[in-house]
N, C-alpha and C. Protein backbone atom coordinates (compact mmCIF):
# COMPACT_ATOMS: atom_id res chain seq x y z
N MET A 1 39.50 3.95 -10.13
CA MET A 1 38.47 3.15 -10.79
C MET A 1 37.17 3.96 -10.85
N GLU A 2 36.57 4.00 -12.02
CA GLU A 2 35.34 4.76 -12.22
C GLU A 2 34.15 3.99 -11.65
N LYS A 3 33.25 4.72 -10.98
CA LYS A 3 32.05 4.12 -10.40
C LYS A 3 31.06 3.78 -11.52
N LYS A 4 30.54 2.56 -11.49
CA LYS A 4 29.60 2.12 -12.52
C LYS A 4 28.25 2.80 -12.33
N ARG A 5 27.66 3.24 -13.44
CA ARG A 5 26.33 3.85 -13.41
C ARG A 5 25.31 2.82 -13.84
N TYR A 6 24.28 2.67 -13.02
CA TYR A 6 23.22 1.71 -13.32
C TYR A 6 22.00 2.44 -13.84
N ASN A 7 21.31 1.81 -14.80
CA ASN A 7 20.05 2.35 -15.33
C ASN A 7 18.85 1.88 -14.50
N LEU A 8 19.07 0.83 -13.70
CA LEU A 8 17.99 0.24 -12.91
C LEU A 8 18.57 -0.31 -11.62
N ILE A 9 17.91 0.03 -10.49
CA ILE A 9 18.29 -0.54 -9.21
C ILE A 9 17.05 -1.18 -8.60
N ILE A 10 17.17 -2.47 -8.29
CA ILE A 10 16.08 -3.24 -7.71
C ILE A 10 16.47 -3.58 -6.27
N PHE A 11 15.52 -3.49 -5.37
CA PHE A 11 15.77 -3.72 -3.96
C PHE A 11 14.95 -4.88 -3.43
N ASP A 12 15.56 -5.67 -2.55
CA ASP A 12 14.82 -6.57 -1.69
C ASP A 12 14.09 -5.65 -0.69
N ALA A 13 13.10 -6.17 0.02
CA ALA A 13 12.37 -5.33 0.98
C ALA A 13 12.82 -5.56 2.43
N ASP A 14 12.62 -6.77 2.92
CA ASP A 14 12.85 -7.04 4.34
C ASP A 14 14.33 -7.11 4.67
N ASP A 15 14.72 -6.31 5.64
CA ASP A 15 16.10 -6.16 6.10
C ASP A 15 17.01 -5.55 5.04
N THR A 16 16.40 -4.94 4.03
CA THR A 16 17.11 -4.15 3.03
C THR A 16 16.57 -2.72 3.09
N LEU A 17 15.26 -2.57 2.87
CA LEU A 17 14.61 -1.26 2.98
C LEU A 17 13.95 -1.07 4.35
N ARG A 18 13.38 -2.14 4.87
CA ARG A 18 12.60 -2.06 6.11
C ARG A 18 12.99 -3.19 7.05
N TYR A 19 12.58 -3.03 8.31
CA TYR A 19 12.71 -4.13 9.27
C TYR A 19 11.39 -4.29 10.01
N CYS A 20 11.16 -5.49 10.48
CA CYS A 20 9.93 -5.80 11.21
C CYS A 20 10.11 -5.38 12.67
N THR A 21 9.12 -4.67 13.20
CA THR A 21 9.18 -4.18 14.58
C THR A 21 8.62 -5.17 15.59
N VAL A 22 8.11 -6.31 15.12
CA VAL A 22 7.58 -7.34 16.01
C VAL A 22 8.71 -8.33 16.31
N GLN A 23 9.12 -8.37 17.57
CA GLN A 23 10.23 -9.23 17.97
C GLN A 23 9.94 -10.69 17.62
N GLY A 24 10.95 -11.33 17.01
CA GLY A 24 10.84 -12.75 16.66
C GLY A 24 10.10 -13.02 15.36
N GLN A 25 9.56 -12.00 14.73
CA GLN A 25 8.82 -12.14 13.47
C GLN A 25 9.71 -11.60 12.35
N PRO A 26 10.01 -12.41 11.32
CA PRO A 26 10.96 -11.96 10.29
C PRO A 26 10.44 -10.87 9.36
N CYS A 27 9.14 -10.83 9.15
CA CYS A 27 8.55 -9.89 8.20
C CYS A 27 7.25 -9.34 8.76
N PRO A 28 6.88 -8.13 8.36
CA PRO A 28 5.59 -7.60 8.81
C PRO A 28 4.43 -8.37 8.20
N ASN A 29 3.39 -8.58 9.01
CA ASN A 29 2.19 -9.25 8.54
C ASN A 29 1.02 -8.29 8.37
N LYS A 30 1.19 -7.06 8.87
CA LYS A 30 0.13 -6.06 8.75
C LYS A 30 0.73 -4.68 8.91
N PRO A 31 -0.03 -3.65 8.54
CA PRO A 31 0.47 -2.28 8.70
C PRO A 31 0.86 -2.01 10.15
N GLY A 32 1.86 -1.17 10.33
CA GLY A 32 2.31 -0.81 11.66
C GLY A 32 3.35 -1.74 12.24
N GLU A 33 3.73 -2.77 11.49
CA GLU A 33 4.71 -3.74 11.99
C GLU A 33 6.08 -3.58 11.33
N TRP A 34 6.35 -2.43 10.73
CA TRP A 34 7.65 -2.22 10.10
C TRP A 34 8.07 -0.76 10.19
N GLU A 35 9.38 -0.56 10.04
CA GLU A 35 9.96 0.78 9.91
C GLU A 35 11.08 0.70 8.90
N LEU A 36 11.38 1.84 8.28
CA LEU A 36 12.51 1.89 7.36
C LEU A 36 13.81 1.75 8.14
N LEU A 37 14.79 1.13 7.51
CA LEU A 37 16.12 1.04 8.09
C LEU A 37 16.81 2.40 8.01
N ASP A 38 17.82 2.59 8.83
CA ASP A 38 18.59 3.84 8.83
C ASP A 38 19.17 4.12 7.45
N ASN A 39 19.20 5.37 7.11
CA ASN A 39 19.84 5.89 5.89
C ASN A 39 19.11 5.57 4.59
N VAL A 40 18.00 4.84 4.65
CA VAL A 40 17.30 4.46 3.41
C VAL A 40 16.78 5.71 2.69
N GLN A 41 15.99 6.52 3.36
CA GLN A 41 15.44 7.72 2.71
C GLN A 41 16.55 8.65 2.24
N ALA A 42 17.54 8.87 3.08
CA ALA A 42 18.63 9.79 2.73
C ALA A 42 19.38 9.31 1.49
N LYS A 43 19.70 8.04 1.43
CA LYS A 43 20.45 7.51 0.27
C LYS A 43 19.59 7.55 -0.99
N LEU A 44 18.33 7.12 -0.89
CA LEU A 44 17.47 7.07 -2.07
C LEU A 44 17.17 8.46 -2.61
N SER A 45 17.20 9.47 -1.75
CA SER A 45 16.93 10.84 -2.21
C SER A 45 18.05 11.40 -3.07
N THR A 46 19.19 10.71 -3.13
CA THR A 46 20.32 11.20 -3.93
C THR A 46 20.23 10.79 -5.40
N PHE A 47 19.25 9.96 -5.74
CA PHE A 47 19.10 9.47 -7.11
C PHE A 47 18.03 10.25 -7.87
N ASP A 48 18.19 10.32 -9.18
CA ASP A 48 17.19 10.92 -10.06
C ASP A 48 16.36 9.78 -10.64
N TRP A 49 15.31 9.39 -9.92
CA TRP A 49 14.48 8.23 -10.28
C TRP A 49 13.56 8.59 -11.44
N GLY A 50 13.36 7.65 -12.33
CA GLY A 50 12.44 7.85 -13.44
C GLY A 50 12.74 6.90 -14.58
N PHE A 51 12.41 7.30 -15.79
CA PHE A 51 12.58 6.44 -16.96
C PHE A 51 14.04 6.40 -17.40
N PRO A 52 14.64 5.21 -17.43
CA PRO A 52 16.03 5.09 -17.87
C PRO A 52 16.27 5.65 -19.27
N GLN A 53 15.26 5.55 -20.13
CA GLN A 53 15.39 6.04 -21.51
C GLN A 53 15.50 7.56 -21.53
N GLU A 54 15.19 8.22 -20.41
CA GLU A 54 15.31 9.68 -20.30
C GLU A 54 16.52 10.07 -19.45
N GLY A 55 17.43 9.09 -19.23
CA GLY A 55 18.65 9.36 -18.47
C GLY A 55 18.49 9.27 -16.96
N LYS A 56 17.33 8.79 -16.51
CA LYS A 56 17.10 8.66 -15.07
C LYS A 56 17.33 7.20 -14.66
N VAL A 57 17.14 6.91 -13.39
CA VAL A 57 17.38 5.56 -12.88
C VAL A 57 16.03 4.89 -12.58
N GLY A 58 15.81 3.73 -13.18
CA GLY A 58 14.61 2.94 -12.91
C GLY A 58 14.75 2.27 -11.54
N TYR A 59 13.65 1.75 -11.02
CA TYR A 59 13.61 1.24 -9.65
C TYR A 59 12.64 0.08 -9.55
N GLY A 60 12.80 -0.72 -8.51
CA GLY A 60 11.87 -1.81 -8.29
C GLY A 60 12.11 -2.49 -6.95
N ILE A 61 11.13 -3.28 -6.55
CA ILE A 61 11.23 -4.12 -5.36
C ILE A 61 10.92 -5.55 -5.78
N ALA A 62 11.78 -6.47 -5.36
CA ALA A 62 11.58 -7.91 -5.60
C ALA A 62 11.66 -8.60 -4.24
N SER A 63 10.56 -9.18 -3.80
CA SER A 63 10.50 -9.69 -2.43
C SER A 63 9.75 -11.02 -2.34
N ASN A 64 10.41 -12.01 -1.73
CA ASN A 64 9.69 -13.23 -1.39
C ASN A 64 8.72 -12.88 -0.27
N GLN A 65 7.47 -13.27 -0.43
CA GLN A 65 6.44 -13.02 0.57
C GLN A 65 5.75 -14.34 0.91
N GLY A 66 6.55 -15.27 1.44
CA GLY A 66 6.07 -16.60 1.79
C GLY A 66 4.97 -16.61 2.83
N GLY A 67 4.84 -15.53 3.60
CA GLY A 67 3.78 -15.45 4.60
C GLY A 67 2.40 -15.55 3.98
N VAL A 68 2.28 -15.13 2.71
CA VAL A 68 1.00 -15.27 2.01
C VAL A 68 0.67 -16.75 1.85
N GLY A 69 1.63 -17.52 1.34
CA GLY A 69 1.42 -18.96 1.17
C GLY A 69 1.18 -19.69 2.47
N MET A 70 1.75 -19.16 3.56
CA MET A 70 1.58 -19.77 4.88
C MET A 70 0.25 -19.36 5.51
N GLY A 71 -0.46 -18.40 4.89
CA GLY A 71 -1.76 -17.98 5.42
C GLY A 71 -1.70 -16.90 6.48
N TYR A 72 -0.54 -16.26 6.66
CA TYR A 72 -0.41 -15.20 7.67
C TYR A 72 -1.10 -13.91 7.25
N PHE A 73 -1.14 -13.66 5.96
CA PHE A 73 -1.79 -12.46 5.42
C PHE A 73 -2.08 -12.68 3.95
N SER A 74 -2.91 -11.82 3.37
CA SER A 74 -3.34 -11.98 1.98
C SER A 74 -2.34 -11.36 1.00
N LYS A 75 -2.48 -11.71 -0.27
CA LYS A 75 -1.67 -11.09 -1.33
C LYS A 75 -1.88 -9.58 -1.34
N GLU A 76 -3.12 -9.17 -1.13
CA GLU A 76 -3.44 -7.74 -1.15
C GLU A 76 -2.72 -7.00 -0.03
N ILE A 77 -2.69 -7.60 1.16
CA ILE A 77 -1.98 -6.97 2.29
C ILE A 77 -0.49 -6.93 1.99
N ALA A 78 0.08 -8.04 1.50
CA ALA A 78 1.51 -8.09 1.18
C ALA A 78 1.87 -7.01 0.16
N PHE A 79 1.05 -6.87 -0.87
CA PHE A 79 1.31 -5.86 -1.90
C PHE A 79 1.22 -4.45 -1.31
N GLN A 80 0.21 -4.21 -0.50
CA GLN A 80 0.05 -2.88 0.11
C GLN A 80 1.21 -2.55 1.03
N LEU A 81 1.69 -3.53 1.80
CA LEU A 81 2.84 -3.31 2.67
C LEU A 81 4.08 -2.93 1.86
N LEU A 82 4.29 -3.61 0.73
CA LEU A 82 5.44 -3.29 -0.13
C LEU A 82 5.26 -1.92 -0.78
N LYS A 83 4.05 -1.62 -1.18
CA LYS A 83 3.77 -0.31 -1.78
C LYS A 83 3.99 0.81 -0.76
N ASP A 84 3.54 0.59 0.46
CA ASP A 84 3.75 1.57 1.53
C ASP A 84 5.23 1.73 1.84
N THR A 85 5.96 0.62 1.85
CA THR A 85 7.41 0.67 2.07
C THR A 85 8.07 1.50 0.99
N PHE A 86 7.70 1.24 -0.26
CA PHE A 86 8.27 1.99 -1.38
C PHE A 86 8.00 3.49 -1.22
N LYS A 87 6.74 3.82 -0.97
CA LYS A 87 6.36 5.24 -0.88
C LYS A 87 7.11 5.93 0.26
N SER A 88 7.26 5.25 1.38
CA SER A 88 7.99 5.82 2.51
C SER A 88 9.48 5.98 2.18
N ALA A 89 10.05 5.00 1.51
CA ALA A 89 11.48 5.02 1.19
C ALA A 89 11.82 6.01 0.08
N PHE A 90 11.03 6.00 -0.98
CA PHE A 90 11.34 6.79 -2.17
C PHE A 90 10.66 8.17 -2.16
N GLY A 91 9.55 8.28 -1.45
CA GLY A 91 8.86 9.56 -1.37
C GLY A 91 7.85 9.80 -2.48
N PHE A 92 7.54 8.79 -3.27
CA PHE A 92 6.52 8.92 -4.30
C PHE A 92 5.85 7.57 -4.53
N GLU A 93 4.70 7.61 -5.18
CA GLU A 93 3.88 6.43 -5.44
C GLU A 93 4.49 5.59 -6.58
N PRO A 94 4.64 4.29 -6.38
CA PRO A 94 5.22 3.45 -7.43
C PRO A 94 4.18 2.97 -8.44
N GLN A 95 4.64 2.64 -9.64
CA GLN A 95 3.79 1.90 -10.57
C GLN A 95 3.66 0.49 -10.02
N ASN A 96 2.51 -0.12 -10.16
CA ASN A 96 2.29 -1.46 -9.62
C ASN A 96 3.27 -2.48 -10.19
N GLU A 97 3.68 -2.34 -11.45
CA GLU A 97 4.53 -3.32 -12.11
C GLU A 97 5.93 -3.41 -11.53
N ILE A 98 6.37 -2.37 -10.83
CA ILE A 98 7.74 -2.40 -10.31
C ILE A 98 7.81 -3.11 -8.96
N ILE A 99 6.67 -3.48 -8.41
CA ILE A 99 6.66 -4.28 -7.19
C ILE A 99 6.36 -5.72 -7.58
N GLN A 100 7.36 -6.55 -7.43
CA GLN A 100 7.21 -7.97 -7.73
C GLN A 100 7.37 -8.76 -6.44
N MET A 101 6.44 -9.66 -6.20
CA MET A 101 6.53 -10.49 -5.01
C MET A 101 6.21 -11.93 -5.35
N CYS A 102 6.85 -12.83 -4.61
CA CYS A 102 6.63 -14.26 -4.79
C CYS A 102 5.92 -14.76 -3.54
N THR A 103 4.71 -15.29 -3.71
CA THR A 103 3.86 -15.59 -2.56
C THR A 103 3.69 -17.06 -2.19
N PRO A 104 4.19 -18.04 -2.97
CA PRO A 104 4.06 -19.42 -2.50
C PRO A 104 4.81 -19.64 -1.18
N LYS A 105 4.45 -20.71 -0.48
CA LYS A 105 5.13 -21.06 0.76
C LYS A 105 6.63 -21.19 0.51
N PRO A 106 7.44 -20.89 1.53
CA PRO A 106 8.88 -21.14 1.40
C PRO A 106 9.13 -22.61 1.06
N HIS A 107 10.17 -22.87 0.34
CA HIS A 107 10.61 -24.21 -0.07
C HIS A 107 9.72 -24.84 -1.12
N VAL A 108 8.74 -24.10 -1.64
CA VAL A 108 7.95 -24.57 -2.78
C VAL A 108 8.68 -24.11 -4.03
N ASP A 109 8.89 -25.02 -4.97
CA ASP A 109 9.59 -24.65 -6.20
C ASP A 109 8.71 -23.71 -7.02
N SER A 110 9.24 -22.55 -7.29
CA SER A 110 8.50 -21.53 -8.02
C SER A 110 9.46 -20.72 -8.87
N ASN A 111 9.02 -20.31 -10.05
CA ASN A 111 9.85 -19.49 -10.95
C ASN A 111 10.22 -18.15 -10.34
N CYS A 112 9.39 -17.67 -9.42
CA CYS A 112 9.62 -16.34 -8.89
C CYS A 112 10.46 -16.34 -7.61
N ARG A 113 10.44 -17.42 -6.85
CA ARG A 113 11.10 -17.42 -5.54
C ARG A 113 12.60 -17.29 -5.67
N LYS A 114 13.14 -16.26 -5.01
CA LYS A 114 14.58 -16.10 -4.98
C LYS A 114 15.18 -17.36 -4.34
N PRO A 115 16.23 -17.89 -4.90
CA PRO A 115 17.22 -17.29 -5.78
C PRO A 115 16.93 -17.38 -7.28
N LYS A 116 15.74 -17.86 -7.67
CA LYS A 116 15.41 -17.77 -9.10
C LYS A 116 15.18 -16.30 -9.43
N HIS A 117 15.29 -15.95 -10.69
CA HIS A 117 15.36 -14.53 -11.05
C HIS A 117 14.13 -14.01 -11.79
N GLY A 118 13.01 -14.69 -11.67
CA GLY A 118 11.80 -14.27 -12.38
C GLY A 118 11.32 -12.87 -12.03
N MET A 119 11.40 -12.51 -10.75
CA MET A 119 10.94 -11.17 -10.35
C MET A 119 11.84 -10.10 -10.95
N LEU A 120 13.14 -10.33 -10.93
CA LEU A 120 14.07 -9.35 -11.51
C LEU A 120 13.85 -9.20 -13.01
N GLN A 121 13.62 -10.32 -13.69
CA GLN A 121 13.37 -10.28 -15.13
C GLN A 121 12.15 -9.43 -15.46
N LYS A 122 11.08 -9.56 -14.67
CA LYS A 122 9.87 -8.79 -14.93
C LYS A 122 10.11 -7.30 -14.77
N ILE A 123 10.88 -6.92 -13.75
CA ILE A 123 11.16 -5.50 -13.54
C ILE A 123 12.08 -4.97 -14.65
N MET A 124 13.09 -5.75 -15.03
CA MET A 124 13.98 -5.33 -16.13
C MET A 124 13.19 -5.19 -17.43
N ALA A 125 12.25 -6.10 -17.68
CA ALA A 125 11.43 -6.03 -18.89
C ALA A 125 10.52 -4.79 -18.86
N PHE A 126 9.95 -4.49 -17.71
CA PHE A 126 9.09 -3.31 -17.59
C PHE A 126 9.86 -2.05 -17.97
N TRP A 127 11.08 -1.91 -17.46
CA TRP A 127 11.89 -0.72 -17.73
C TRP A 127 12.67 -0.81 -19.04
N LYS A 128 12.68 -2.01 -19.66
CA LYS A 128 13.45 -2.24 -20.89
C LYS A 128 14.94 -1.96 -20.65
N VAL A 129 15.45 -2.51 -19.55
CA VAL A 129 16.86 -2.35 -19.17
C VAL A 129 17.50 -3.73 -19.14
N GLU A 130 18.68 -3.84 -19.75
CA GLU A 130 19.39 -5.11 -19.78
C GLU A 130 20.07 -5.39 -18.43
N ALA A 131 20.34 -6.65 -18.19
CA ALA A 131 20.90 -7.09 -16.92
C ALA A 131 22.23 -6.40 -16.59
N GLU A 132 23.05 -6.15 -17.60
CA GLU A 132 24.37 -5.54 -17.38
C GLU A 132 24.28 -4.13 -16.81
N LYS A 133 23.13 -3.49 -16.95
CA LYS A 133 22.92 -2.12 -16.45
C LYS A 133 22.03 -2.10 -15.21
N THR A 134 21.88 -3.30 -14.57
CA THR A 134 20.99 -3.44 -13.43
C THR A 134 21.77 -3.85 -12.19
N LEU A 135 21.40 -3.26 -11.05
CA LEU A 135 21.95 -3.60 -9.75
C LEU A 135 20.83 -4.12 -8.86
N PHE A 136 21.09 -5.23 -8.18
CA PHE A 136 20.14 -5.75 -7.20
C PHE A 136 20.76 -5.58 -5.82
N VAL A 137 20.02 -4.96 -4.90
CA VAL A 137 20.49 -4.69 -3.55
C VAL A 137 19.70 -5.56 -2.58
N GLY A 138 20.43 -6.34 -1.76
CA GLY A 138 19.77 -7.23 -0.82
C GLY A 138 20.62 -7.52 0.39
N ASP A 139 20.07 -8.38 1.26
CA ASP A 139 20.74 -8.67 2.53
C ASP A 139 21.04 -10.14 2.75
N MET A 140 20.63 -11.01 1.84
CA MET A 140 20.82 -12.45 2.04
C MET A 140 21.63 -13.07 0.91
N GLU A 141 22.21 -14.20 1.20
CA GLU A 141 22.98 -14.93 0.18
C GLU A 141 22.07 -15.28 -1.00
N SER A 142 20.79 -15.56 -0.74
CA SER A 142 19.85 -15.88 -1.83
C SER A 142 19.63 -14.67 -2.73
N ASP A 143 19.73 -13.45 -2.19
CA ASP A 143 19.64 -12.23 -3.01
C ASP A 143 20.85 -12.15 -3.94
N LYS A 144 22.01 -12.43 -3.39
CA LYS A 144 23.25 -12.41 -4.19
C LYS A 144 23.17 -13.44 -5.32
N GLU A 145 22.66 -14.61 -5.00
CA GLU A 145 22.51 -15.67 -6.00
C GLU A 145 21.47 -15.29 -7.06
N THR A 146 20.42 -14.60 -6.64
CA THR A 146 19.39 -14.14 -7.57
C THR A 146 19.99 -13.20 -8.60
N ALA A 147 20.79 -12.25 -8.13
CA ALA A 147 21.45 -11.31 -9.04
C ALA A 147 22.35 -12.06 -10.03
N LYS A 148 23.11 -13.00 -9.52
CA LYS A 148 23.98 -13.81 -10.40
C LYS A 148 23.15 -14.55 -11.44
N ASN A 149 22.04 -15.15 -11.02
CA ASN A 149 21.18 -15.90 -11.94
C ASN A 149 20.54 -14.99 -12.99
N ALA A 150 20.31 -13.74 -12.62
CA ALA A 150 19.72 -12.77 -13.56
C ALA A 150 20.77 -12.12 -14.46
N GLY A 151 22.05 -12.29 -14.11
CA GLY A 151 23.11 -11.68 -14.91
C GLY A 151 23.37 -10.23 -14.55
N CYS A 152 22.88 -9.79 -13.39
CA CYS A 152 23.08 -8.39 -13.00
C CYS A 152 24.05 -8.32 -11.81
N ASP A 153 24.46 -7.12 -11.49
CA ASP A 153 25.35 -6.91 -10.36
C ASP A 153 24.57 -6.97 -9.05
N PHE A 154 25.30 -7.18 -7.96
CA PHE A 154 24.72 -7.27 -6.63
C PHE A 154 25.51 -6.40 -5.68
N MET A 155 24.80 -5.81 -4.70
CA MET A 155 25.46 -5.09 -3.62
C MET A 155 24.71 -5.39 -2.32
N TRP A 156 25.48 -5.60 -1.26
CA TRP A 156 24.89 -5.81 0.05
C TRP A 156 24.20 -4.53 0.50
N ALA A 157 23.04 -4.65 1.11
CA ALA A 157 22.26 -3.50 1.57
C ALA A 157 23.06 -2.64 2.55
N LYS A 158 23.80 -3.26 3.45
CA LYS A 158 24.57 -2.50 4.44
C LYS A 158 25.59 -1.61 3.74
N LYS A 159 26.19 -2.09 2.67
CA LYS A 159 27.16 -1.29 1.93
C LYS A 159 26.45 -0.18 1.14
N PHE A 160 25.36 -0.52 0.46
CA PHE A 160 24.63 0.44 -0.35
C PHE A 160 24.14 1.62 0.50
N PHE A 161 23.58 1.30 1.67
CA PHE A 161 23.01 2.33 2.54
C PHE A 161 23.99 2.86 3.59
N ASN A 162 25.24 2.40 3.53
CA ASN A 162 26.26 2.82 4.48
C ASN A 162 25.86 2.56 5.93
N ASN A 163 25.25 1.40 6.17
CA ASN A 163 24.84 1.03 7.54
C ASN A 163 25.87 0.12 8.16
């Protein structure tokens, strides 16, 4: 069976690219509270990241950041933490548009909150890549459902990163 080639790979952040170093806390609330998971940098370095229209692979992060809605940290901090995660994982500075986050409190109905697919749609639109050529990598059942709702493929983070 031939391995499918994707034009765009979108990643969840927490427990997919990074983990929180504060025991009992699910997500980092400030700088210094996270580290990359094993094999993330090594695996991501094997891709030719860039514009899909030039034969490269587009990229993005789609992350629920309910801590903002809960008042644990600001939107600006949440965005900077995701940007720092991206830069550490990929080794280069991301365009702001490829980082999509949903900041309302958990359990608040929102177009962006996974398992709804608003964040994935925005990243696919930015890169002009159709869902059939997109892979979403995550660690939760809601990530899998998000990919299904967006019409794209899904892969578990542990499988993608060989963890």
